[in-house]
Amino acid sequence: MISPLPRVNLPGMNKRLETLLDRVAAWPQEAQDDAVMALADIEEKVRVLQSLTPEQRAKLEALRETINRSIEEGGSYTDEEVAASIAANLNAWENKRKGA
């Protein structure tokens, strides 16, 4: 059995994540590689979200609300219908923001 690495306490880290990371050293290499890729993807998303301006965050939130409403309403939509709806909602939001 592989001996665990010494525990590193990182302030602010979720306890469940800390426990999971403690066990990673015992995983097969392929699983570790998958974990690295997954965490790198998450880190990139976090970096992008942190770089958004307040206006961009508001736009993203409006889009999320539209998507959630659509999911609640159900139905089946083509990719073109979804794209047109998103564009229309974002344009409406922009016009409202600009006071047009």
Protein backbone atom coordinates (compact mmCIF):
# COMPACT_ATOMS: atom_id res chain seq x y z
CA MET A 1 0.00 0.00 0.00
CA ILE A 2 1.15 3.50 -0.80
CA SER A 3 1.68 5.56 2.31
CA PRO A 4 -0.37 8.75 2.34
CA LEU A 5 1.35 12.06 1.88
CA PRO A 6 1.62 14.30 4.91
CA ARG A 7 -1.58 16.27 5.34
CA VAL A 8 -1.39 19.89 4.30
CA ASN A 9 -4.03 22.09 5.87
CA LEU A 10 -5.03 24.85 3.51
CA PRO A 11 -7.12 27.59 5.08
CA GLY A 12 -10.53 27.90 3.50
CA MET A 13 -10.48 24.48 1.82
CA ASN A 14 -13.67 22.48 1.95
CA LYS A 15 -13.20 19.60 4.42
CA ARG A 16 -14.62 17.03 1.99
CA LEU A 17 -12.21 18.17 -0.72
CA GLU A 18 -9.31 18.05 1.72
CA THR A 19 -10.18 14.46 2.70
CA LEU A 20 -10.53 13.43 -0.93
CA LEU A 21 -7.20 14.97 -1.88
CA ASP A 22 -5.56 13.04 0.96
CA ARG A 23 -6.59 9.80 -0.80
CA VAL A 24 -5.54 10.78 -4.33
CA ALA A 25 -1.98 9.47 -3.91
CA ALA A 26 -3.38 5.95 -3.57
CA TRP A 27 -5.35 6.18 -6.82
CA PRO A 28 -4.13 4.55 -10.06
CA GLN A 29 -2.17 6.92 -12.30
CA GLU A 30 -4.97 7.11 -14.87
CA ALA A 31 -7.44 8.21 -12.19
CA GLN A 32 -4.96 10.82 -10.97
CA ASP A 33 -4.58 12.10 -14.54
CA ASP A 34 -8.36 12.37 -14.84
CA ALA A 35 -8.50 14.28 -11.54
CA VAL A 36 -5.84 16.72 -12.76
CA MET A 37 -7.77 17.37 -15.97
CA ALA A 38 -11.06 17.85 -14.10
CA LEU A 39 -9.54 20.21 -11.55
CA ALA A 40 -7.71 22.17 -14.26
CA ASP A 41 -11.01 22.63 -16.14
CA ILE A 42 -12.72 23.84 -12.97
CA GLU A 43 -9.85 26.20 -12.20
CA GLU A 44 -10.12 27.74 -15.68
CA LYS A 45 -13.87 28.28 -15.27
CA VAL A 46 -13.29 29.91 -11.88
CA ARG A 47 -10.59 32.14 -13.37
CA VAL A 48 -12.88 33.24 -16.20
CA LEU A 49 -15.80 33.91 -13.85
CA GLN A 50 -13.59 35.94 -11.53
CA SER A 51 -12.44 38.08 -14.46
CA LEU A 52 -15.98 39.12 -15.47
CA THR A 53 -17.08 42.69 -15.01
CA PRO A 54 -20.24 43.35 -12.97
CA GLU A 55 -22.06 44.02 -16.24
CA GLN A 56 -20.93 40.70 -17.70
CA ARG A 57 -21.98 38.92 -14.50
CA ALA A 58 -25.45 40.49 -14.73
CA LYS A 59 -25.72 39.40 -18.36
CA LEU A 60 -24.72 35.85 -17.44
CA GLU A 61 -27.23 35.78 -14.58
CA ALA A 62 -30.00 36.97 -16.92
CA LEU A 63 -29.09 34.20 -19.35
CA ARG A 64 -29.14 31.61 -16.54
CA GLU A 65 -32.60 32.79 -15.48
CA THR A 66 -33.85 32.47 -19.04
CA ILE A 67 -32.43 28.97 -19.36
CA ASN A 68 -33.89 27.90 -16.00
CA ARG A 69 -37.34 29.25 -16.99
CA SER A 70 -37.14 27.36 -20.27
CA ILE A 71 -36.23 24.15 -18.46
CA GLU A 72 -39.15 24.61 -16.06
CA GLU A 73 -41.54 25.20 -18.96
CA GLY A 74 -40.27 22.10 -20.72
CA GLY A 75 -40.58 21.49 -24.40
CA SER A 76 -38.19 20.56 -27.12
CA TYR A 77 -36.24 23.21 -28.96
CA THR A 78 -33.79 23.11 -31.85
CA ASP A 79 -30.32 24.60 -31.50
CA GLU A 80 -31.42 27.45 -33.77
CA GLU A 81 -34.46 28.20 -31.57
CA VAL A 82 -32.30 28.22 -28.46
CA ALA A 83 -29.74 30.54 -30.08
CA ALA A 84 -32.48 32.90 -31.31
CA SER A 85 -34.09 33.00 -27.87
CA ILE A 86 -30.79 33.73 -26.15
CA ALA A 87 -29.97 36.48 -28.66
CA ALA A 88 -33.43 38.04 -28.27
CA ASN A 89 -33.25 37.98 -24.47
CA LEU A 90 -29.75 39.42 -24.40
CA ASN A 91 -30.73 42.13 -26.88
CA ALA A 92 -33.79 42.99 -24.76
CA TRP A 93 -31.61 43.13 -21.67
CA GLU A 94 -29.09 45.40 -23.44
CA ASN A 95 -31.86 47.71 -24.68
CA LYS A 96 -33.40 47.89 -21.20
CA ARG A 97 -30.01 48.58 -19.64
CA LYS A 98 -29.34 51.37 -22.13
CA GLY A 99 -32.81 52.80 -21.60
CA ALA A 100 -33.83 52.28 -25.20
